[in-house]
Full PDB file with SEQRES, HELIX, SHEET, SSBOND, CRYST1, ORIGX, SCALE, CONECT and MASTER records, all heavy atoms in Angstrom:
SEQRES   1 A   36  LEU VAL ALA ARG VAL LYS PHE GLY GLY ALA THR ASN TYR          
SEQRES   2 A   36  ALA ASP SER VAL LYS GLY ARG PHE THR VAL SER ARG ASP          
SEQRES   3 A   36  ASN ALA LYS LYS THR VAL SER LEU GLN MET                      
SHEET    1 AA1 2 ALA A   3  VAL A   5  0                                        
SHEET    2 AA1 2 THR A  11  TYR A  13 -1                                        
SHEET    1 AA2 2 THR A  22  ASP A  26  0                                        
SHEET    2 AA2 2 THR A  31  GLN A  35 -1                                        
CRYST1    1.000    1.000    1.000  90.00  90.00  90.00 P 1           1          
ORIGX1      1.000000  0.000000  0.000000        0.00000                         
ORIGX2      0.000000  1.000000  0.000000        0.00000                         
ORIGX3      0.000000  0.000000  1.000000        0.00000                         
SCALE1      1.000000  0.000000  0.000000        0.00000                         
SCALE2      0.000000  1.000000  0.000000        0.00000                         
SCALE3      0.000000  0.000000  1.000000        0.00000                         
ATOM      1  N   LEU A   1       0.853  -1.186   0.000  1.00  0.00           N  
ATOM      2  CA  LEU A   1       0.000   0.000   0.000  1.00  0.00           C  
ATOM      3  C   LEU A   1       0.888   1.234   0.000  1.00  0.00           C  
ATOM      4  O   LEU A   1       1.752   1.383   0.847  1.00  0.00           O  
ATOM      5  CB  LEU A   1      -0.902  -0.001   1.235  1.00  0.00           C  
ATOM      6  CG  LEU A   1      -1.793   1.213   1.410  1.00  0.00           C  
ATOM      7  CD1 LEU A   1      -2.837   1.291   0.311  1.00  0.00           C  
ATOM      8  CD2 LEU A   1      -2.469   1.182   2.786  1.00  0.00           C  
ATOM      9  N   VAL A   2       0.647   2.127  -0.939  1.00  0.00           N  
ATOM     10  CA  VAL A   2       1.425   3.356  -1.058  1.00  0.00           C  
ATOM     11  C   VAL A   2       0.702   4.518  -0.383  1.00  0.00           C  
ATOM     12  O   VAL A   2       1.317   5.292   0.353  1.00  0.00           O  
ATOM     13  CB  VAL A   2       1.663   3.687  -2.545  1.00  0.00           C  
ATOM     14  CG1 VAL A   2       2.329   5.053  -2.699  1.00  0.00           C  
ATOM     15  CG2 VAL A   2       2.489   2.600  -3.205  1.00  0.00           C  
ATOM     16  N   ALA A   3      -0.591   4.613  -0.615  1.00  0.00           N  
ATOM     17  CA  ALA A   3      -1.367   5.726  -0.073  1.00  0.00           C  
ATOM     18  C   ALA A   3      -2.825   5.312   0.028  1.00  0.00           C  
ATOM     19  O   ALA A   3      -3.312   4.550  -0.806  1.00  0.00           O  
ATOM     20  CB  ALA A   3      -1.240   6.964  -0.957  1.00  0.00           C  
ATOM     21  N   ARG A   4      -3.499   5.820   1.040  1.00  0.00           N  
ATOM     22  CA  ARG A   4      -4.911   5.524   1.240  1.00  0.00           C  
ATOM     23  C   ARG A   4      -5.660   6.820   1.491  1.00  0.00           C  
ATOM     24  O   ARG A   4      -5.175   7.695   2.212  1.00  0.00           O  
ATOM     25  CB  ARG A   4      -5.103   4.571   2.414  1.00  0.00           C  
ATOM     26  CG  ARG A   4      -6.564   4.241   2.694  1.00  0.00           C  
ATOM     27  CD  ARG A   4      -6.725   3.510   4.006  1.00  0.00           C  
ATOM     28  NE  ARG A   4      -6.233   2.147   3.949  1.00  0.00           N  
ATOM     29  CZ  ARG A   4      -5.293   1.670   4.752  1.00  0.00           C  
ATOM     30  NH1 ARG A   4      -4.725   2.435   5.654  1.00  0.00           N  
ATOM     31  NH2 ARG A   4      -4.919   0.405   4.649  1.00  0.00           N  
ATOM     32  N   VAL A   5      -6.837   6.915   0.902  1.00  0.00           N  
ATOM     33  CA  VAL A   5      -7.734   8.029   1.216  1.00  0.00           C  
ATOM     34  C   VAL A   5      -9.050   7.423   1.683  1.00  0.00           C  
ATOM     35  O   VAL A   5      -9.680   6.650   0.966  1.00  0.00           O  
ATOM     36  CB  VAL A   5      -7.918   8.996   0.016  1.00  0.00           C  
ATOM     37  CG1 VAL A   5      -8.371   8.276  -1.240  1.00  0.00           C  
ATOM     38  CG2 VAL A   5      -8.874  10.125   0.381  1.00  0.00           C  
ATOM     39  N   LYS A   6      -9.432   7.747   2.897  1.00  0.00           N  
ATOM     40  CA  LYS A   6     -10.653   7.206   3.461  1.00  0.00           C  
ATOM     41  C   LYS A   6     -11.872   7.924   2.884  1.00  0.00           C  
ATOM     42  O   LYS A   6     -11.747   8.994   2.291  1.00  0.00           O  
ATOM     43  CB  LYS A   6     -10.621   7.298   4.973  1.00  0.00           C  
ATOM     44  CG  LYS A   6      -9.517   6.449   5.594  1.00  0.00           C  
ATOM     45  CD  LYS A   6      -9.617   6.403   7.100  1.00  0.00           C  
ATOM     46  CE  LYS A   6      -8.576   5.460   7.688  1.00  0.00           C  
ATOM     47  NZ  LYS A   6      -8.689   5.360   9.165  1.00  0.00           N  
ATOM     48  N   PHE A   7     -13.043   7.343   3.099  1.00  0.00           N  
ATOM     49  CA  PHE A   7     -14.250   7.921   2.505  1.00  0.00           C  
ATOM     50  C   PHE A   7     -14.491   9.324   3.025  1.00  0.00           C  
ATOM     51  O   PHE A   7     -15.061  10.165   2.341  1.00  0.00           O  
ATOM     52  CB  PHE A   7     -15.452   7.013   2.736  1.00  0.00           C  
ATOM     53  CG  PHE A   7     -15.932   6.960   4.157  1.00  0.00           C  
ATOM     54  CD1 PHE A   7     -16.879   7.862   4.619  1.00  0.00           C  
ATOM     55  CD2 PHE A   7     -15.453   6.005   5.043  1.00  0.00           C  
ATOM     56  CE1 PHE A   7     -17.336   7.809   5.919  1.00  0.00           C  
ATOM     57  CE2 PHE A   7     -15.896   5.957   6.338  1.00  0.00           C  
ATOM     58  CZ  PHE A   7     -16.834   6.864   6.795  1.00  0.00           C  
ATOM     59  N   GLY A   8     -14.006   9.622   4.234  1.00  0.00           N  
ATOM     60  CA  GLY A   8     -14.183  10.954   4.792  1.00  0.00           C  
ATOM     61  C   GLY A   8     -13.104  11.944   4.377  1.00  0.00           C  
ATOM     62  O   GLY A   8     -13.166  13.127   4.732  1.00  0.00           O  
ATOM     63  N   GLY A   9     -12.090  11.443   3.640  1.00  0.00           N  
ATOM     64  CA  GLY A   9     -11.037  12.319   3.134  1.00  0.00           C  
ATOM     65  C   GLY A   9      -9.704  12.204   3.856  1.00  0.00           C  
ATOM     66  O   GLY A   9      -8.700  12.736   3.369  1.00  0.00           O  
ATOM     67  N   ALA A  10      -9.666  11.534   4.997  1.00  0.00           N  
ATOM     68  CA  ALA A  10      -8.387  11.376   5.693  1.00  0.00           C  
ATOM     69  C   ALA A  10      -7.438  10.530   4.846  1.00  0.00           C  
ATOM     70  O   ALA A  10      -7.867   9.610   4.143  1.00  0.00           O  
ATOM     71  CB  ALA A  10      -8.604  10.720   7.054  1.00  0.00           C  
ATOM     72  N   THR A  11      -6.153  10.856   4.935  1.00  0.00           N  
ATOM     73  CA  THR A  11      -5.168  10.160   4.121  1.00  0.00           C  
ATOM     74  C   THR A  11      -4.036   9.596   4.985  1.00  0.00           C  
ATOM     75  O   THR A  11      -3.766  10.089   6.086  1.00  0.00           O  
ATOM     76  CB  THR A  11      -4.539  11.100   3.080  1.00  0.00           C  
ATOM     77  OG1 THR A  11      -3.936  12.222   3.758  1.00  0.00           O  
ATOM     78  CG2 THR A  11      -5.592  11.626   2.110  1.00  0.00           C  
ATOM     79  N   ASN A  12      -3.390   8.570   4.486  1.00  0.00           N  
ATOM     80  CA  ASN A  12      -2.164   8.087   5.101  1.00  0.00           C  
ATOM     81  C   ASN A  12      -1.272   7.501   4.004  1.00  0.00           C  
ATOM     82  O   ASN A  12      -1.755   7.109   2.940  1.00  0.00           O  
ATOM     83  CB  ASN A  12      -2.422   7.085   6.232  1.00  0.00           C  
ATOM     84  CG  ASN A  12      -3.163   5.860   5.792  1.00  0.00           C  
ATOM     85  OD1 ASN A  12      -4.373   5.882   5.624  1.00  0.00           O  
ATOM     86  ND2 ASN A  12      -2.427   4.781   5.578  1.00  0.00           N  
ATOM     87  N   TYR A  13       0.034   7.479   4.300  1.00  0.00           N  
ATOM     88  CA  TYR A  13       1.022   7.138   3.281  1.00  0.00           C  
ATOM     89  C   TYR A  13       2.076   6.178   3.835  1.00  0.00           C  
ATOM     90  O   TYR A  13       2.379   6.183   5.033  1.00  0.00           O  
ATOM     91  CB  TYR A  13       1.738   8.417   2.809  1.00  0.00           C  
ATOM     92  CG  TYR A  13       0.811   9.439   2.203  1.00  0.00           C  
ATOM     93  CD1 TYR A  13       0.205  10.410   2.995  1.00  0.00           C  
ATOM     94  CD2 TYR A  13       0.538   9.428   0.839  1.00  0.00           C  
ATOM     95  CE1 TYR A  13      -0.656  11.342   2.444  1.00  0.00           C  
ATOM     96  CE2 TYR A  13      -0.307  10.360   0.279  1.00  0.00           C  
ATOM     97  CZ  TYR A  13      -0.909  11.301   1.092  1.00  0.00           C  
ATOM     98  OH  TYR A  13      -1.758  12.227   0.542  1.00  0.00           O  
ATOM     99  N   ALA A  14       2.651   5.412   2.930  1.00  0.00           N  
ATOM    100  CA  ALA A  14       3.820   4.624   3.291  1.00  0.00           C  
ATOM    101  C   ALA A  14       4.971   5.579   3.595  1.00  0.00           C  
ATOM    102  O   ALA A  14       5.075   6.654   2.990  1.00  0.00           O  
ATOM    103  CB  ALA A  14       4.195   3.693   2.141  1.00  0.00           C  
ATOM    104  N   ASP A  15       5.838   5.189   4.500  1.00  0.00           N  
ATOM    105  CA  ASP A  15       6.957   6.053   4.875  1.00  0.00           C  
ATOM    106  C   ASP A  15       7.823   6.413   3.670  1.00  0.00           C  
ATOM    107  O   ASP A  15       8.364   7.519   3.593  1.00  0.00           O  
ATOM    108  CB  ASP A  15       7.820   5.366   5.936  1.00  0.00           C  
ATOM    109  CG  ASP A  15       7.153   5.319   7.293  1.00  0.00           C  
ATOM    110  OD1 ASP A  15       6.183   6.085   7.518  1.00  0.00           O  
ATOM    111  OD2 ASP A  15       7.590   4.509   8.130  1.00  0.00           O  
ATOM    112  N   SER A  16       7.921   5.507   2.716  1.00  0.00           N  
ATOM    113  CA  SER A  16       8.805   5.708   1.569  1.00  0.00           C  
ATOM    114  C   SER A  16       8.318   6.819   0.628  1.00  0.00           C  
ATOM    115  O   SER A  16       9.103   7.329  -0.174  1.00  0.00           O  
ATOM    116  CB  SER A  16       8.943   4.403   0.785  1.00  0.00           C  
ATOM    117  OG  SER A  16       7.681   3.943   0.361  1.00  0.00           O  
ATOM    118  N   VAL A  17       7.050   7.199   0.728  1.00  0.00           N  
ATOM    119  CA  VAL A  17       6.523   8.220  -0.190  1.00  0.00           C  
ATOM    120  C   VAL A  17       6.005   9.442   0.549  1.00  0.00           C  
ATOM    121  O   VAL A  17       5.596  10.424  -0.087  1.00  0.00           O  
ATOM    122  CB  VAL A  17       5.404   7.649  -1.088  1.00  0.00           C  
ATOM    123  CG1 VAL A  17       5.883   6.414  -1.820  1.00  0.00           C  
ATOM    124  CG2 VAL A  17       4.134   7.362  -0.297  1.00  0.00           C  
ATOM    125  N   LYS A  18       6.013   9.401   1.856  1.00  0.00           N  
ATOM    126  CA  LYS A  18       5.471  10.505   2.649  1.00  0.00           C  
ATOM    127  C   LYS A  18       6.194  11.811   2.311  1.00  0.00           C  
ATOM    128  O   LYS A  18       7.412  11.861   2.255  1.00  0.00           O  
ATOM    129  CB  LYS A  18       5.612  10.161   4.129  1.00  0.00           C  
ATOM    130  CG  LYS A  18       4.679  10.910   5.051  1.00  0.00           C  
ATOM    131  CD  LYS A  18       4.750  10.348   6.465  1.00  0.00           C  
ATOM    132  CE  LYS A  18       4.181   8.941   6.536  1.00  0.00           C  
ATOM    133  NZ  LYS A  18       4.177   8.412   7.924  1.00  0.00           N  
ATOM    134  N   GLY A  19       5.420  12.845   2.081  1.00  0.00           N  
ATOM    135  CA  GLY A  19       5.991  14.140   1.734  1.00  0.00           C  
ATOM    136  C   GLY A  19       6.229  14.324   0.247  1.00  0.00           C  
ATOM    137  O   GLY A  19       6.509  15.439  -0.207  1.00  0.00           O  
ATOM    138  N   ARG A  20       6.117  13.255  -0.524  1.00  0.00           N  
ATOM    139  CA  ARG A  20       6.341  13.339  -1.964  1.00  0.00           C  
ATOM    140  C   ARG A  20       5.064  13.049  -2.765  1.00  0.00           C  
ATOM    141  O   ARG A  20       4.867  13.622  -3.838  1.00  0.00           O  
ATOM    142  CB  ARG A  20       7.427  12.340  -2.401  1.00  0.00           C  
ATOM    143  CG  ARG A  20       8.764  12.578  -1.741  1.00  0.00           C  
ATOM    144  CD  ARG A  20       9.850  11.705  -2.360  1.00  0.00           C  
ATOM    145  NE  ARG A  20       9.598  10.273  -2.185  1.00  0.00           N  
ATOM    146  CZ  ARG A  20       9.503   9.402  -3.190  1.00  0.00           C  
ATOM    147  NH1 ARG A  20       9.634   9.803  -4.444  1.00  0.00           N  
ATOM    148  NH2 ARG A  20       9.299   8.113  -2.932  1.00  0.00           N  
ATOM    149  N   PHE A  21       4.232  12.153  -2.255  1.00  0.00           N  
ATOM    150  CA  PHE A  21       3.016  11.740  -2.959  1.00  0.00           C  
ATOM    151  C   PHE A  21       1.799  12.325  -2.240  1.00  0.00           C  
ATOM    152  O   PHE A  21       1.792  12.449  -1.008  1.00  0.00           O  
ATOM    153  CB  PHE A  21       2.883  10.223  -2.978  1.00  0.00           C  
ATOM    154  CG  PHE A  21       3.879   9.502  -3.853  1.00  0.00           C  
ATOM    155  CD1 PHE A  21       4.973  10.146  -4.412  1.00  0.00           C  
ATOM    156  CD2 PHE A  21       3.716   8.151  -4.113  1.00  0.00           C  
ATOM    157  CE1 PHE A  21       5.884   9.477  -5.205  1.00  0.00           C  
ATOM    158  CE2 PHE A  21       4.610   7.460  -4.913  1.00  0.00           C  
ATOM    159  CZ  PHE A  21       5.691   8.130  -5.446  1.00  0.00           C  
ATOM    160  N   THR A  22       0.768  12.621  -3.026  1.00  0.00           N  
ATOM    161  CA  THR A  22      -0.489  13.108  -2.478  1.00  0.00           C  
ATOM    162  C   THR A  22      -1.649  12.371  -3.135  1.00  0.00           C  
ATOM    163  O   THR A  22      -1.756  12.373  -4.372  1.00  0.00           O  
ATOM    164  CB  THR A  22      -0.657  14.619  -2.714  1.00  0.00           C  
ATOM    165  OG1 THR A  22       0.444  15.325  -2.134  1.00  0.00           O  
ATOM    166  CG2 THR A  22      -1.959  15.112  -2.090  1.00  0.00           C  
ATOM    167  N   VAL A  23      -2.493  11.750  -2.317  1.00  0.00           N  
ATOM    168  CA  VAL A  23      -3.653  11.019  -2.830  1.00  0.00           C  
ATOM    169  C   VAL A  23      -4.898  11.882  -2.638  1.00  0.00           C  
ATOM    170  O   VAL A  23      -5.020  12.606  -1.640  1.00  0.00           O  
ATOM    171  CB  VAL A  23      -3.811   9.652  -2.114  1.00  0.00           C  
ATOM    172  CG1 VAL A  23      -4.018   9.817  -0.620  1.00  0.00           C  
ATOM    173  CG2 VAL A  23      -4.926   8.839  -2.753  1.00  0.00           C  
ATOM    174  N   SER A  24      -5.801  11.797  -3.603  1.00  0.00           N  
ATOM    175  CA  SER A  24      -7.052  12.545  -3.510  1.00  0.00           C  
ATOM    176  C   SER A  24      -8.153  11.772  -4.217  1.00  0.00           C  
ATOM    177  O   SER A  24      -7.878  10.819  -4.961  1.00  0.00           O  
ATOM    178  CB  SER A  24      -6.899  13.942  -4.117  1.00  0.00           C  
ATOM    179  OG  SER A  24      -6.543  13.853  -5.487  1.00  0.00           O  
ATOM    180  N   ARG A  25      -9.396  12.205  -4.000  1.00  0.00           N  
ATOM    181  CA  ARG A  25     -10.526  11.530  -4.612  1.00  0.00           C  
ATOM    182  C   ARG A  25     -11.565  12.538  -5.056  1.00  0.00           C  
ATOM    183  O   ARG A  25     -11.665  13.628  -4.476  1.00  0.00           O  
ATOM    184  CB  ARG A  25     -11.137  10.510  -3.649  1.00  0.00           C  
ATOM    185  CG  ARG A  25     -11.748  11.123  -2.411  1.00  0.00           C  
ATOM    186  CD  ARG A  25     -12.127  10.040  -1.398  1.00  0.00           C  
ATOM    187  NE  ARG A  25     -13.152   9.157  -1.911  1.00  0.00           N  
ATOM    188  CZ  ARG A  25     -13.371   7.933  -1.438  1.00  0.00           C  
ATOM    189  NH1 ARG A  25     -12.622   7.453  -0.462  1.00  0.00           N  
ATOM    190  NH2 ARG A  25     -14.346   7.191  -1.942  1.00  0.00           N  
ATOM    191  N   ASP A  26     -12.319  12.155  -6.065  1.00  0.00           N  
ATOM    192  CA  ASP A  26     -13.445  12.953  -6.538  1.00  0.00           C  
ATOM    193  C   ASP A  26     -14.657  12.026  -6.535  1.00  0.00           C  
ATOM    194  O   ASP A  26     -14.796  11.172  -7.414  1.00  0.00           O  
ATOM    195  CB  ASP A  26     -13.158  13.495  -7.945  1.00  0.00           C  
ATOM    196  CG  ASP A  26     -14.234  14.425  -8.448  1.00  0.00           C  
ATOM    197  OD1 ASP A  26     -15.422  14.231  -8.097  1.00  0.00           O  
ATOM    198  OD2 ASP A  26     -13.915  15.351  -9.212  1.00  0.00           O  
ATOM    199  N   ASN A  27     -15.499  12.184  -5.541  1.00  0.00           N  
ATOM    200  CA  ASN A  27     -16.621  11.260  -5.403  1.00  0.00           C  
ATOM    201  C   ASN A  27     -17.644  11.424  -6.531  1.00  0.00           C  
ATOM    202  O   ASN A  27     -18.287  10.444  -6.922  1.00  0.00           O  
ATOM    203  CB  ASN A  27     -17.295  11.457  -4.053  1.00  0.00           C  
ATOM    204  CG  ASN A  27     -16.456  10.939  -2.903  1.00  0.00           C  
ATOM    205  OD1 ASN A  27     -15.621  10.048  -3.070  1.00  0.00           O  
ATOM    206  ND2 ASN A  27     -16.652  11.513  -1.728  1.00  0.00           N  
ATOM    207  N   ALA A  28     -17.793  12.613  -7.042  1.00  0.00           N  
ATOM    208  CA  ALA A  28     -18.754  12.832  -8.125  1.00  0.00           C  
ATOM    209  C   ALA A  28     -18.326  12.098  -9.400  1.00  0.00           C  
ATOM    210  O   ALA A  28     -19.160  11.556 -10.130  1.00  0.00           O  
ATOM    211  CB  ALA A  28     -18.898  14.321  -8.402  1.00  0.00           C  
ATOM    212  N   LYS A  29     -17.021  12.075  -9.646  1.00  0.00           N  
ATOM    213  CA  LYS A  29     -16.496  11.423 -10.853  1.00  0.00           C  
ATOM    214  C   LYS A  29     -16.075   9.976 -10.601  1.00  0.00           C  
ATOM    215  O   LYS A  29     -15.722   9.264 -11.534  1.00  0.00           O  
ATOM    216  CB  LYS A  29     -15.305  12.212 -11.399  1.00  0.00           C  
ATOM    217  CG  LYS A  29     -15.643  13.609 -11.871  1.00  0.00           C  
ATOM    218  CD  LYS A  29     -14.410  14.319 -12.412  1.00  0.00           C  
ATOM    219  CE  LYS A  29     -14.760  15.707 -12.904  1.00  0.00           C  
ATOM    220  NZ  LYS A  29     -13.563  16.426 -13.410  1.00  0.00           N  
ATOM    221  N   LYS A  30     -16.079   9.567  -9.345  1.00  0.00           N  
ATOM    222  CA  LYS A  30     -15.621   8.224  -8.969  1.00  0.00           C  
ATOM    223  C   LYS A  30     -14.181   7.995  -9.428  1.00  0.00           C  
ATOM    224  O   LYS A  30     -13.855   6.988 -10.054  1.00  0.00           O  
ATOM    225  CB  LYS A  30     -16.538   7.143  -9.536  1.00  0.00           C  
ATOM    226  CG  LYS A  30     -17.919   7.115  -8.905  1.00  0.00           C  
ATOM    227  CD  LYS A  30     -18.705   5.885  -9.354  1.00  0.00           C  
ATOM    228  CE  LYS A  30     -20.044   5.804  -8.663  1.00  0.00           C  
ATOM    229  NZ  LYS A  30     -20.799   4.579  -9.059  1.00  0.00           N  
ATOM    230  N   THR A  31     -13.332   8.948  -9.128  1.00  0.00           N  
ATOM    231  CA  THR A  31     -11.918   8.815  -9.475  1.00  0.00           C  
ATOM    232  C   THR A  31     -11.041   8.988  -8.234  1.00  0.00           C  
ATOM    233  O   THR A  31     -11.419   9.667  -7.273  1.00  0.00           O  
ATOM    234  CB  THR A  31     -11.491   9.849 -10.523  1.00  0.00           C  
ATOM    235  OG1 THR A  31     -11.746  11.157 -10.027  1.00  0.00           O  
ATOM    236  CG2 THR A  31     -12.250   9.654 -11.830  1.00  0.00           C  
ATOM    237  N   VAL A  32      -9.885   8.373  -8.297  1.00  0.00           N  
ATOM    238  CA  VAL A  32      -8.863   8.513  -7.266  1.00  0.00           C  
ATOM    239  C   VAL A  32      -7.570   8.900  -7.973  1.00  0.00           C  
ATOM    240  O   VAL A  32      -7.234   8.312  -9.003  1.00  0.00           O  
ATOM    241  CB  VAL A  32      -8.649   7.206  -6.486  1.00  0.00           C  
ATOM    242  CG1 VAL A  32      -7.672   7.428  -5.337  1.00  0.00           C  
ATOM    243  CG2 VAL A  32      -9.965   6.661  -5.968  1.00  0.00           C  
ATOM    244  N   SER A  33      -6.859   9.872  -7.445  1.00  0.00           N  
ATOM    245  CA  SER A  33      -5.640  10.357  -8.083  1.00  0.00           C  
ATOM    246  C   SER A  33      -4.453  10.216  -7.144  1.00  0.00           C  
ATOM    247  O   SER A  33      -4.607  10.206  -5.918  1.00  0.00           O  
ATOM    248  CB  SER A  33      -5.799  11.821  -8.488  1.00  0.00           C  
ATOM    249  OG  SER A  33      -6.835  11.965  -9.434  1.00  0.00           O  
ATOM    250  N   LEU A  34      -3.281  10.126  -7.736  1.00  0.00           N  
ATOM    251  CA  LEU A  34      -2.036  10.077  -6.971  1.00  0.00           C  
ATOM    252  C   LEU A  34      -1.042  11.016  -7.630  1.00  0.00           C  
ATOM    253  O   LEU A  34      -0.537  10.732  -8.715  1.00  0.00           O  
ATOM    254  CB  LEU A  34      -1.471   8.659  -6.919  1.00  0.00           C  
ATOM    255  CG  LEU A  34      -0.246   8.485  -6.019  1.00  0.00           C  
ATOM    256  CD1 LEU A  34      -0.638   8.673  -4.552  1.00  0.00           C  
ATOM    257  CD2 LEU A  34       0.386   7.103  -6.221  1.00  0.00           C  
ATOM    258  N   GLN A  35      -0.792  12.150  -7.008  1.00  0.00           N  
ATOM    259  CA  GLN A  35       0.198  13.095  -7.482  1.00  0.00           C  
ATOM    260  C   GLN A  35       1.549  12.688  -6.908  1.00  0.00           C  
ATOM    261  O   GLN A  35       1.705  12.617  -5.681  1.00  0.00           O  
ATOM    262  CB  GLN A  35      -0.153  14.521  -7.052  1.00  0.00           C  
ATOM    263  CG  GLN A  35       0.884  15.564  -7.426  1.00  0.00           C  
ATOM    264  CD  GLN A  35       1.020  15.734  -8.919  1.00  0.00           C  
ATOM    265  OE1 GLN A  35       0.036  15.746  -9.650  1.00  0.00           O  
ATOM    266  NE2 GLN A  35       2.253  15.874  -9.390  1.00  0.00           N  
ATOM    267  N   MET A  36       2.486  12.419  -7.794  1.00  0.00           N  
ATOM    268  CA  MET A  36       3.799  11.933  -7.369  1.00  0.00           C  
ATOM    269  C   MET A  36       4.853  12.963  -7.749  1.00  0.00           C  
ATOM    270  O   MET A  36       5.049  13.251  -8.930  1.00  0.00           O  
ATOM    271  CB  MET A  36       4.096  10.586  -8.037  1.00  0.00           C  
ATOM    272  CG  MET A  36       3.036   9.537  -7.778  1.00  0.00           C  
ATOM    273  SD  MET A  36       3.458   7.920  -8.448  1.00  0.00           S  
ATOM    274  CE  MET A  36       3.441   8.300 -10.179  1.00  0.00           C  
TER     275      MET A  36                                                      
MASTER        0    0    0    0    4    0    0    6  274    1    0    3          
END                                                                             
């Protein structure tokens, strides 16, 4: 697991990517993104 975004929006990351990767979601579009 690299990154998780919970249904409420909370996020957590693997130590190896923390500070570099950002996970987000768009519930209307049913998409999940990972900015690296």
